[in-house]
Amino acid sequence: MRLFAFFIEILPLAGFFLGFQWGGIFMAAVISALLGVGLMAYAWWRQKRVALFPLYSVVLAVIFTILAVLLDASIFIKIQPTVFNGGFAVVLLGGIMMKTAMMKRFFEGQFDLDDATWMSLSLRWGMFFTAMAIANELAWRNLDDEGWVWVKTFIFAPASGVFMLAQLPLTMRGRIKT
C-alpha cells in the first residue's frame, strides 16, 4: 500500500515531465493539474475529506495553469513553484513569529506530536520552502524551458523527498506516546 501512496504522490510530477516531453510546457502544466484534480477527487471519494496541503498545491496549480493557457504566458507555470513555496514559507515562518506551529494545523491528523516538535518542524520546513522558492526563481530565470523542467523534476522534487526523510528522526522523537 505504501508503494501505491508514493506513486500517487509523484503522479502529477511524472505527468508534468512526460507532458513536457510530449507537447511542451503548456501540455505539461495541463496534464499535471488534471492529475492533481483527479487525485483530489479520488481522495475525497475514498476518505470523504481532502488534506489541506495537497489541496493548496492543486488549487495553485489549476489557477496558474489556467492563467498560463489563457494569457499564453509560460511564466505563470514557471513561477507557480515560487508562489507555492514562498506562500507556504510565509505561513510557516509567520506562525513561528506568532508562536503558532502552522505545521500542526496542516498535518495534525496524520501525526500526533508534541508542541516543541511541531514548532521545530514548522521552522525547518519554513526555511526549506524559502530556499526552494529562491532556487526556483534562479532556475527559471537562468535556464531554458527544458533545463527548468529537468531541474524541477530531478533536483527540486528529490530534494523535497530527501529533506522530508531528514526530518524523520525529529518526528519520531516528538511523537506523543499514547
Protein backbone atom coordinates (compact mmCIF):
# COMPACT_ATOMS: atom_id res chain seq x y z
CA MET A 1 0.00 0.00 0.00
CA ARG A 2 2.88 2.40 0.74
CA LEU A 3 4.22 1.94 -2.80
CA PHE A 4 0.80 2.92 -4.16
CA ALA A 5 0.78 6.05 -1.95
CA PHE A 6 4.24 7.00 -3.27
CA PHE A 7 3.01 6.51 -6.85
CA ILE A 8 0.03 8.77 -6.18
CA GLU A 9 2.32 11.47 -4.75
CA ILE A 10 4.62 11.57 -7.78
CA LEU A 11 1.95 11.13 -10.46
CA PRO A 12 1.40 14.87 -11.17
CA LEU A 13 5.18 15.43 -11.36
CA ALA A 14 5.62 12.47 -13.69
CA GLY A 15 2.71 13.77 -15.76
CA PHE A 16 4.38 17.18 -15.90
CA PHE A 17 7.68 15.74 -17.09
CA LEU A 18 6.10 13.41 -19.66
CA GLY A 19 3.68 16.10 -20.81
CA PHE A 20 6.62 18.42 -21.45
CA GLN A 21 8.40 15.75 -23.48
CA TRP A 22 5.24 15.06 -25.46
CA GLY A 23 3.79 18.52 -26.04
CA GLY A 24 5.71 21.31 -24.32
CA ILE A 25 5.33 23.34 -21.17
CA PHE A 26 1.62 24.15 -21.55
CA MET A 27 0.75 20.49 -22.10
CA ALA A 28 2.89 19.59 -19.07
CA ALA A 29 1.02 22.03 -16.83
CA VAL A 30 -2.42 20.94 -18.04
CA ILE A 31 -1.67 17.24 -17.54
CA SER A 32 -0.17 17.85 -14.09
CA ALA A 33 -3.12 20.00 -12.98
CA LEU A 34 -5.66 17.47 -14.27
CA LEU A 35 -3.87 14.63 -12.49
CA GLY A 36 -3.84 16.70 -9.29
CA VAL A 37 -7.58 17.37 -9.54
CA GLY A 38 -8.19 13.70 -10.26
CA LEU A 39 -6.19 12.66 -7.22
CA MET A 40 -8.09 15.13 -5.02
CA ALA A 41 -11.37 13.71 -6.30
CA TYR A 42 -10.11 10.19 -5.63
CA ALA A 43 -9.06 11.16 -2.09
CA TRP A 44 -12.49 12.68 -1.48
CA TRP A 45 -14.23 9.59 -2.84
CA ARG A 46 -12.10 7.24 -0.69
CA GLN A 47 -11.90 9.21 2.56
CA LYS A 48 -14.63 11.87 2.30
CA ARG A 49 -12.01 14.50 3.14
CA VAL A 50 -9.14 16.29 1.45
CA ALA A 51 -5.89 17.22 3.19
CA LEU A 52 -5.14 20.96 3.21
CA PHE A 53 -1.55 20.80 1.95
CA PRO A 54 -2.28 18.91 -1.29
CA LEU A 55 -5.43 20.98 -1.79
CA TYR A 56 -3.34 24.18 -1.60
CA SER A 57 -0.95 22.71 -4.17
CA VAL A 58 -3.67 21.62 -6.58
CA VAL A 59 -5.63 24.88 -6.36
CA LEU A 60 -2.49 26.90 -7.13
CA ALA A 61 -1.56 24.57 -9.99
CA VAL A 62 -5.01 24.90 -11.55
CA ILE A 63 -5.12 28.70 -11.18
CA PHE A 64 -1.63 29.20 -12.61
CA THR A 65 -2.24 26.72 -15.44
CA ILE A 66 -5.46 28.48 -16.44
CA LEU A 67 -3.68 31.84 -16.38
CA ALA A 68 -0.78 30.47 -18.44
CA VAL A 69 -3.05 28.96 -21.08
CA LEU A 70 -5.47 31.90 -21.32
CA LEU A 71 -2.71 34.50 -21.46
CA ASP A 72 -0.32 32.30 -23.48
CA ALA A 73 2.37 33.08 -20.90
CA SER A 74 4.52 30.22 -19.63
CA ILE A 75 5.85 32.46 -16.85
CA PHE A 76 2.77 31.52 -14.80
CA ILE A 77 3.82 27.88 -14.96
CA LYS A 78 7.39 28.71 -14.00
CA ILE A 79 6.54 30.97 -11.06
CA GLN A 80 3.92 28.63 -9.60
CA PRO A 81 6.53 26.72 -7.53
CA THR A 82 7.88 30.05 -6.26
CA VAL A 83 4.42 31.18 -5.19
CA PHE A 84 3.64 27.78 -3.65
CA ASN A 85 6.91 27.50 -1.74
CA GLY A 86 7.09 31.18 -0.85
CA GLY A 87 3.48 31.25 0.31
CA PHE A 88 3.91 28.21 2.48
CA ALA A 89 7.17 29.62 3.88
CA VAL A 90 5.37 32.83 4.84
CA VAL A 91 2.61 30.85 6.56
CA LEU A 92 5.05 28.63 8.47
CA LEU A 93 7.53 31.34 9.44
CA GLY A 94 4.74 33.81 10.18
CA GLY A 95 3.28 31.20 12.51
CA ILE A 96 6.63 30.90 14.25
CA MET A 97 6.66 34.68 14.81
CA MET A 98 3.13 34.42 16.25
CA LYS A 99 4.22 31.43 18.39
CA THR A 100 1.92 29.07 16.47
CA ALA A 101 3.12 25.85 14.84
CA MET A 102 1.35 26.00 11.50
CA MET A 103 2.61 22.55 10.50
CA LYS A 104 0.30 21.23 13.21
CA ARG A 105 -2.70 22.86 11.52
CA PHE A 106 -1.89 21.14 8.25
CA PHE A 107 -0.75 17.73 9.47
CA GLU A 108 -2.10 17.05 12.96
CA GLY A 109 -4.49 14.46 11.54
CA GLN A 110 -1.54 12.44 10.31
CA PHE A 111 0.89 12.85 13.21
CA ASP A 112 0.46 13.09 16.98
CA LEU A 113 3.47 15.19 18.00
CA ASP A 114 4.36 17.37 20.97
CA ASP A 115 4.24 21.16 20.55
CA ALA A 116 8.02 21.62 20.55
CA THR A 117 8.34 19.19 17.65
CA TRP A 118 5.60 20.96 15.70
CA MET A 119 7.43 24.27 16.22
CA SER A 120 10.77 22.78 15.10
CA LEU A 121 9.20 21.23 12.03
CA SER A 122 7.45 24.50 11.18
CA LEU A 123 10.74 26.40 11.38
CA ARG A 124 12.69 23.81 9.42
CA TRP A 125 10.10 23.49 6.69
CA GLY A 126 9.63 27.25 6.56
CA MET A 127 13.33 27.69 5.90
CA PHE A 128 13.33 24.84 3.37
CA PHE A 129 10.39 26.33 1.46
CA THR A 130 12.14 29.70 1.44
CA ALA A 131 15.24 28.10 -0.08
CA MET A 132 13.11 26.25 -2.64
CA ALA A 133 11.33 29.46 -3.67
CA ILE A 134 14.66 31.21 -4.19
CA ALA A 135 16.08 28.21 -6.06
CA ASN A 136 13.07 28.15 -8.40
CA GLU A 137 13.47 31.85 -9.12
CA LEU A 138 17.11 31.32 -10.01
CA ALA A 139 16.30 28.27 -12.13
CA TRP A 140 13.51 29.65 -14.30
CA ARG A 141 15.31 32.96 -14.82
CA ASN A 142 18.58 31.32 -15.90
CA LEU A 143 17.52 28.15 -17.72
CA ASP A 144 15.53 27.47 -20.87
CA ASP A 145 12.24 25.60 -20.54
CA GLU A 146 13.84 22.17 -20.90
CA GLY A 147 16.51 22.93 -18.31
CA TRP A 148 13.95 24.29 -15.86
CA VAL A 149 11.68 21.23 -16.28
CA TRP A 150 14.66 18.93 -15.73
CA VAL A 151 15.70 20.78 -12.54
CA LYS A 152 12.10 20.86 -11.28
CA THR A 153 11.73 17.12 -11.84
CA PHE A 154 15.15 15.71 -10.98
CA ILE A 155 16.59 18.22 -8.49
CA PHE A 156 13.78 20.02 -6.66
CA ALA A 157 11.40 17.08 -6.22
CA PRO A 158 14.09 14.69 -4.91
CA ALA A 159 15.43 17.47 -2.66
CA SER A 160 11.99 17.70 -1.06
CA GLY A 161 11.94 13.95 -0.51
CA VAL A 162 15.43 13.94 1.00
CA PHE A 163 14.54 16.86 3.27
CA MET A 164 11.37 15.09 4.40
CA LEU A 165 13.35 11.95 5.22
CA ALA A 166 15.87 14.05 7.13
CA GLN A 167 13.01 15.23 9.39
CA LEU A 168 12.01 11.69 10.37
CA PRO A 169 14.32 11.43 13.41
CA LEU A 170 12.87 14.63 14.88
CA THR A 171 9.36 13.49 14.05
CA MET A 172 9.89 10.08 15.65
CA ARG A 173 11.38 11.60 18.82
CA GLY A 174 8.48 14.05 19.10
CA ARG A 175 5.68 11.52 18.94
CA ILE A 176 3.27 11.60 21.83
CA LYS A 177 3.08 8.19 23.45
CA THR A 178 -0.49 7.03 23.90
